[in-house]
Amino acid sequence: MSSAQISQVLAEMRALQSRIGAVQLDQPRPLSIGAPPSANVDFGQILQRSIDGVAQMEHHADRLADAYEAGVKGVDLTKVMIEVQKAGLAFRAMTEIRNKLVDAYNQVMNMPV
């Protein structure tokens, strides 16, 4: 995987982050994919924060669904379905990123020395 492809994947993750937006009812922490330019953060930390953000989105969607099922006022079916779809999309995006990273790792390991 070239650095241009990695940059493209990171740009897609940032675009996804900007589309997700804030949610209501005990809002989860927003995904933070990048780091400030002056910060020295390694790739593993960025990836871990992204994975944690996706897990948090899934947990939030589950809580909203539970609140809807319990009949909590202010939680409508539309909001629940949107949050579930957002969490599913974020999970699929993270899975694709993982697949690309594994593919890149395999390519590097198969390079002749």
N, C-alpha and C. Protein backbone atom coordinates (compact mmCIF):
# COMPACT_ATOMS: atom_id res chain seq x y z
N MET A 1 0.86 -1.17 0.00
CA MET A 1 0.00 0.00 0.00
C MET A 1 0.90 1.23 0.00
N SER A 2 0.67 2.11 -0.93
CA SER A 2 1.51 3.30 -1.05
C SER A 2 1.07 4.36 -0.05
N SER A 3 1.92 5.35 0.14
CA SER A 3 1.56 6.42 1.07
C SER A 3 0.39 7.22 0.54
N ALA A 4 0.22 7.29 -0.77
CA ALA A 4 -0.93 7.99 -1.35
C ALA A 4 -2.22 7.27 -1.00
N GLN A 5 -2.20 5.94 -1.04
CA GLN A 5 -3.39 5.17 -0.68
C GLN A 5 -3.70 5.31 0.81
N ILE A 6 -2.69 5.32 1.64
CA ILE A 6 -2.90 5.50 3.08
C ILE A 6 -3.49 6.89 3.33
N SER A 7 -2.97 7.89 2.64
CA SER A 7 -3.50 9.25 2.79
C SER A 7 -4.95 9.31 2.35
N GLN A 8 -5.29 8.59 1.29
CA GLN A 8 -6.66 8.56 0.81
C GLN A 8 -7.58 7.91 1.84
N VAL A 9 -7.15 6.82 2.45
CA VAL A 9 -7.96 6.15 3.47
C VAL A 9 -8.16 7.06 4.67
N LEU A 10 -7.11 7.75 5.11
CA LEU A 10 -7.23 8.68 6.22
C LEU A 10 -8.16 9.83 5.87
N ALA A 11 -8.11 10.31 4.64
CA ALA A 11 -9.01 11.38 4.21
C ALA A 11 -10.45 10.90 4.24
N GLU A 12 -10.68 9.66 3.83
CA GLU A 12 -12.03 9.10 3.88
C GLU A 12 -12.52 8.98 5.32
N MET A 13 -11.61 8.60 6.23
CA MET A 13 -11.99 8.50 7.64
C MET A 13 -12.36 9.88 8.19
N ARG A 14 -11.60 10.90 7.82
CA ARG A 14 -11.91 12.26 8.28
C ARG A 14 -13.24 12.73 7.71
N ALA A 15 -13.52 12.42 6.45
CA ALA A 15 -14.80 12.79 5.85
C ALA A 15 -15.94 12.10 6.56
N LEU A 16 -15.74 10.83 6.90
CA LEU A 16 -16.76 10.09 7.64
C LEU A 16 -16.98 10.72 9.01
N GLN A 17 -15.92 11.13 9.66
CA GLN A 17 -16.02 11.77 10.96
C GLN A 17 -16.83 13.05 10.87
N SER A 18 -16.60 13.84 9.84
CA SER A 18 -17.32 15.11 9.72
C SER A 18 -18.80 14.88 9.41
N ARG A 19 -19.13 13.78 8.73
CA ARG A 19 -20.52 13.48 8.42
C ARG A 19 -21.28 12.92 9.62
N ILE A 20 -20.58 12.32 10.55
CA ILE A 20 -21.24 11.66 11.67
C ILE A 20 -21.98 12.68 12.53
N GLY A 21 -21.31 13.77 12.89
CA GLY A 21 -21.96 14.81 13.68
C GLY A 21 -22.24 14.37 15.09
N ALA A 22 -22.86 15.25 15.82
CA ALA A 22 -23.17 14.98 17.23
C ALA A 22 -24.54 14.32 17.35
N VAL A 23 -24.71 13.53 18.35
CA VAL A 23 -25.98 12.89 18.64
C VAL A 23 -26.45 13.33 20.02
N GLN A 24 -27.69 13.05 20.31
CA GLN A 24 -28.24 13.45 21.59
C GLN A 24 -28.40 12.23 22.49
N LEU A 25 -28.89 12.46 23.69
CA LEU A 25 -29.11 11.42 24.69
C LEU A 25 -27.78 10.80 25.09
N ASP A 26 -27.09 11.47 25.99
CA ASP A 26 -25.80 11.01 26.49
C ASP A 26 -24.83 10.80 25.34
N GLN A 27 -24.49 11.90 24.70
CA GLN A 27 -23.69 11.86 23.49
C GLN A 27 -22.32 11.23 23.71
N PRO A 28 -21.89 10.36 22.79
CA PRO A 28 -20.55 9.79 22.89
C PRO A 28 -19.51 10.83 22.49
N ARG A 29 -18.29 10.58 22.88
CA ARG A 29 -17.19 11.45 22.50
C ARG A 29 -17.01 11.36 20.99
N PRO A 30 -16.86 12.50 20.28
CA PRO A 30 -16.70 12.43 18.83
C PRO A 30 -15.41 11.71 18.45
N LEU A 31 -15.44 11.09 17.29
CA LEU A 31 -14.25 10.42 16.80
C LEU A 31 -13.15 11.44 16.58
N SER A 32 -11.96 11.14 17.02
CA SER A 32 -10.85 12.03 16.72
C SER A 32 -9.82 11.21 15.96
N ILE A 33 -9.78 11.43 14.68
CA ILE A 33 -8.95 10.61 13.82
C ILE A 33 -7.54 11.18 13.72
N GLY A 34 -7.44 12.45 13.52
CA GLY A 34 -6.14 13.06 13.34
C GLY A 34 -5.62 13.64 14.64
N ALA A 35 -4.45 14.17 14.55
CA ALA A 35 -3.84 14.85 15.70
C ALA A 35 -3.41 16.22 15.24
N PRO A 36 -3.28 17.16 16.17
CA PRO A 36 -2.79 18.47 15.77
C PRO A 36 -1.43 18.33 15.10
N PRO A 37 -1.12 19.19 14.13
CA PRO A 37 0.13 19.05 13.38
C PRO A 37 1.37 19.05 14.27
N SER A 38 1.33 19.77 15.39
CA SER A 38 2.51 19.85 16.23
C SER A 38 2.66 18.65 17.17
N ALA A 39 1.59 17.89 17.34
CA ALA A 39 1.65 16.75 18.27
C ALA A 39 2.42 15.60 17.63
N ASN A 40 3.10 14.83 18.47
CA ASN A 40 3.84 13.67 18.02
C ASN A 40 3.06 12.43 18.44
N VAL A 41 2.18 11.95 17.57
CA VAL A 41 1.33 10.80 17.88
C VAL A 41 1.64 9.71 16.87
N ASP A 42 1.78 8.49 17.36
CA ASP A 42 2.08 7.41 16.43
C ASP A 42 0.80 6.84 15.83
N PHE A 43 0.97 6.09 14.75
CA PHE A 43 -0.16 5.54 14.00
C PHE A 43 -1.02 4.62 14.86
N GLY A 44 -0.39 3.86 15.74
CA GLY A 44 -1.13 2.94 16.60
C GLY A 44 -2.11 3.67 17.51
N GLN A 45 -1.71 4.82 18.03
CA GLN A 45 -2.60 5.61 18.88
C GLN A 45 -3.78 6.14 18.09
N ILE A 46 -3.52 6.61 16.88
CA ILE A 46 -4.61 7.12 16.04
C ILE A 46 -5.59 6.00 15.72
N LEU A 47 -5.08 4.84 15.36
CA LEU A 47 -5.93 3.71 15.04
C LEU A 47 -6.73 3.27 16.26
N GLN A 48 -6.10 3.23 17.43
CA GLN A 48 -6.80 2.82 18.64
C GLN A 48 -7.93 3.80 18.98
N ARG A 49 -7.69 5.11 18.83
CA ARG A 49 -8.74 6.09 19.10
C ARG A 49 -9.90 5.91 18.13
N SER A 50 -9.59 5.60 16.88
CA SER A 50 -10.65 5.38 15.89
C SER A 50 -11.48 4.15 16.24
N ILE A 51 -10.82 3.08 16.64
CA ILE A 51 -11.53 1.86 17.03
C ILE A 51 -12.39 2.12 18.26
N ASP A 52 -11.85 2.85 19.22
CA ASP A 52 -12.63 3.19 20.42
C ASP A 52 -13.84 4.04 20.06
N GLY A 53 -13.67 4.96 19.12
CA GLY A 53 -14.78 5.80 18.69
C GLY A 53 -15.89 4.99 18.03
N VAL A 54 -15.52 4.03 17.20
CA VAL A 54 -16.51 3.17 16.55
C VAL A 54 -17.25 2.33 17.60
N ALA A 55 -16.51 1.79 18.55
CA ALA A 55 -17.15 1.00 19.61
C ALA A 55 -18.10 1.87 20.43
N GLN A 56 -17.71 3.11 20.66
CA GLN A 56 -18.56 4.03 21.42
C GLN A 56 -19.84 4.35 20.63
N MET A 57 -19.71 4.51 19.32
CA MET A 57 -20.90 4.76 18.49
C MET A 57 -21.86 3.58 18.54
N GLU A 58 -21.32 2.37 18.49
CA GLU A 58 -22.17 1.18 18.56
C GLU A 58 -22.87 1.09 19.91
N HIS A 59 -22.13 1.40 20.96
CA HIS A 59 -22.71 1.36 22.31
C HIS A 59 -23.82 2.41 22.43
N HIS A 60 -23.60 3.60 21.88
CA HIS A 60 -24.60 4.66 21.92
C HIS A 60 -25.86 4.24 21.16
N ALA A 61 -25.68 3.63 19.99
CA ALA A 61 -26.83 3.17 19.20
C ALA A 61 -27.62 2.11 19.98
N ASP A 62 -26.91 1.23 20.66
CA ASP A 62 -27.59 0.21 21.48
C ASP A 62 -28.38 0.85 22.61
N ARG A 63 -27.79 1.86 23.27
CA ARG A 63 -28.50 2.55 24.36
C ARG A 63 -29.74 3.27 23.85
N LEU A 64 -29.64 3.89 22.67
CA LEU A 64 -30.79 4.56 22.09
C LEU A 64 -31.90 3.55 21.77
N ALA A 65 -31.51 2.40 21.21
CA ALA A 65 -32.50 1.37 20.89
C ALA A 65 -33.16 0.87 22.16
N ASP A 66 -32.38 0.68 23.22
CA ASP A 66 -32.96 0.25 24.49
C ASP A 66 -33.91 1.30 25.05
N ALA A 67 -33.53 2.58 24.93
CA ALA A 67 -34.38 3.66 25.42
C ALA A 67 -35.68 3.71 24.63
N TYR A 68 -35.61 3.50 23.33
CA TYR A 68 -36.83 3.49 22.52
C TYR A 68 -37.74 2.34 22.92
N GLU A 69 -37.14 1.17 23.12
CA GLU A 69 -37.93 0.00 23.51
C GLU A 69 -38.57 0.19 24.88
N ALA A 70 -37.91 0.95 25.75
CA ALA A 70 -38.46 1.20 27.09
C ALA A 70 -39.49 2.32 27.08
N GLY A 71 -39.63 3.01 25.95
CA GLY A 71 -40.63 4.06 25.84
C GLY A 71 -40.20 5.40 26.40
N VAL A 72 -38.90 5.66 26.42
CA VAL A 72 -38.40 6.95 26.91
C VAL A 72 -38.88 8.05 25.97
N LYS A 73 -39.43 9.12 26.56
CA LYS A 73 -39.92 10.23 25.74
C LYS A 73 -38.75 10.95 25.07
N GLY A 74 -38.97 11.41 23.85
CA GLY A 74 -37.94 12.14 23.12
C GLY A 74 -37.05 11.26 22.27
N VAL A 75 -37.24 9.96 22.34
CA VAL A 75 -36.45 9.04 21.50
C VAL A 75 -37.42 8.44 20.49
N ASP A 76 -37.27 8.85 19.24
CA ASP A 76 -38.15 8.32 18.22
C ASP A 76 -37.44 7.28 17.37
N LEU A 77 -38.22 6.52 16.65
CA LEU A 77 -37.68 5.43 15.85
C LEU A 77 -36.72 5.92 14.78
N THR A 78 -37.02 7.08 14.20
CA THR A 78 -36.14 7.62 13.16
C THR A 78 -34.75 7.88 13.70
N LYS A 79 -34.67 8.48 14.88
CA LYS A 79 -33.37 8.78 15.48
C LYS A 79 -32.61 7.48 15.77
N VAL A 80 -33.32 6.49 16.27
CA VAL A 80 -32.69 5.20 16.59
C VAL A 80 -32.13 4.56 15.31
N MET A 81 -32.93 4.54 14.26
CA MET A 81 -32.49 3.91 13.01
C MET A 81 -31.30 4.65 12.40
N ILE A 82 -31.30 5.97 12.48
CA ILE A 82 -30.17 6.74 11.95
C ILE A 82 -28.90 6.41 12.72
N GLU A 83 -28.98 6.37 14.03
CA GLU A 83 -27.79 6.08 14.84
C GLU A 83 -27.29 4.66 14.61
N VAL A 84 -28.20 3.72 14.44
CA VAL A 84 -27.80 2.34 14.16
C VAL A 84 -27.09 2.27 12.80
N GLN A 85 -27.62 2.99 11.82
CA GLN A 85 -26.99 3.00 10.50
C GLN A 85 -25.62 3.67 10.54
N LYS A 86 -25.49 4.77 11.29
CA LYS A 86 -24.20 5.44 11.43
C LYS A 86 -23.17 4.50 12.06
N ALA A 87 -23.58 3.79 13.11
CA ALA A 87 -22.66 2.86 13.77
C ALA A 87 -22.27 1.73 12.82
N GLY A 88 -23.23 1.23 12.06
CA GLY A 88 -22.92 0.17 11.10
C GLY A 88 -21.98 0.63 10.01
N LEU A 89 -22.19 1.85 9.52
CA LEU A 89 -21.32 2.41 8.49
C LEU A 89 -19.90 2.61 9.03
N ALA A 90 -19.80 3.13 10.25
CA ALA A 90 -18.48 3.33 10.85
C ALA A 90 -17.76 2.00 11.04
N PHE A 91 -18.51 0.97 11.44
CA PHE A 91 -17.91 -0.36 11.63
C PHE A 91 -17.42 -0.92 10.30
N ARG A 92 -18.23 -0.79 9.25
CA ARG A 92 -17.82 -1.29 7.94
C ARG A 92 -16.59 -0.54 7.43
N ALA A 93 -16.55 0.78 7.65
CA ALA A 93 -15.39 1.57 7.23
C ALA A 93 -14.14 1.10 7.98
N MET A 94 -14.28 0.86 9.28
CA MET A 94 -13.14 0.41 10.07
C MET A 94 -12.69 -0.98 9.61
N THR A 95 -13.62 -1.83 9.24
CA THR A 95 -13.28 -3.16 8.74
C THR A 95 -12.50 -3.05 7.42
N GLU A 96 -12.92 -2.16 6.54
CA GLU A 96 -12.21 -1.97 5.28
C GLU A 96 -10.80 -1.43 5.52
N ILE A 97 -10.65 -0.54 6.47
CA ILE A 97 -9.33 -0.02 6.80
C ILE A 97 -8.44 -1.13 7.33
N ARG A 98 -9.02 -1.97 8.20
CA ARG A 98 -8.25 -3.10 8.72
C ARG A 98 -7.81 -4.02 7.59
N ASN A 99 -8.70 -4.28 6.65
CA ASN A 99 -8.36 -5.14 5.51
C ASN A 99 -7.22 -4.54 4.69
N LYS A 100 -7.27 -3.23 4.47
CA LYS A 100 -6.21 -2.56 3.72
C LYS A 100 -4.88 -2.63 4.47
N LEU A 101 -4.93 -2.46 5.78
CA LEU A 101 -3.70 -2.53 6.57
C LEU A 101 -3.10 -3.93 6.56
N VAL A 102 -3.94 -4.95 6.66
CA VAL A 102 -3.45 -6.33 6.61
C VAL A 102 -2.85 -6.61 5.24
N ASP A 103 -3.51 -6.13 4.19
CA ASP A 103 -2.99 -6.32 2.84
C ASP A 103 -1.64 -5.62 2.68
N ALA A 104 -1.53 -4.41 3.19
CA ALA A 104 -0.26 -3.68 3.11
C ALA A 104 0.84 -4.41 3.89
N TYR A 105 0.50 -4.92 5.06
CA TYR A 105 1.47 -5.68 5.86
C TYR A 105 1.95 -6.91 5.10
N ASN A 106 1.01 -7.63 4.49
CA ASN A 106 1.39 -8.82 3.73
C ASN A 106 2.28 -8.47 2.54
N GLN A 107 2.00 -7.36 1.87
CA GLN A 107 2.83 -6.94 0.76
C GLN A 107 4.24 -6.61 1.22
N VAL A 108 4.34 -5.90 2.34
CA VAL A 108 5.67 -5.55 2.86
C VAL A 108 6.42 -6.82 3.26
N MET A 109 5.76 -7.75 3.90
CA MET A 109 6.42 -8.98 4.35
C MET A 109 6.86 -9.85 3.17
N ASN A 110 6.19 -9.74 2.04
CA ASN A 110 6.54 -10.54 0.87
C ASN A 110 7.58 -9.86 -0.03
N MET A 111 8.03 -8.69 0.34
CA MET A 111 9.03 -7.99 -0.47
C MET A 111 10.37 -8.71 -0.35
N PRO A 112 11.07 -8.80 -1.48
CA PRO A 112 12.42 -9.40 -1.39
C PRO A 112 13.38 -8.44 -0.68
N VAL A 113 14.26 -9.00 0.10
CA VAL A 113 15.19 -8.17 0.87
C VAL A 113 16.49 -8.00 0.14
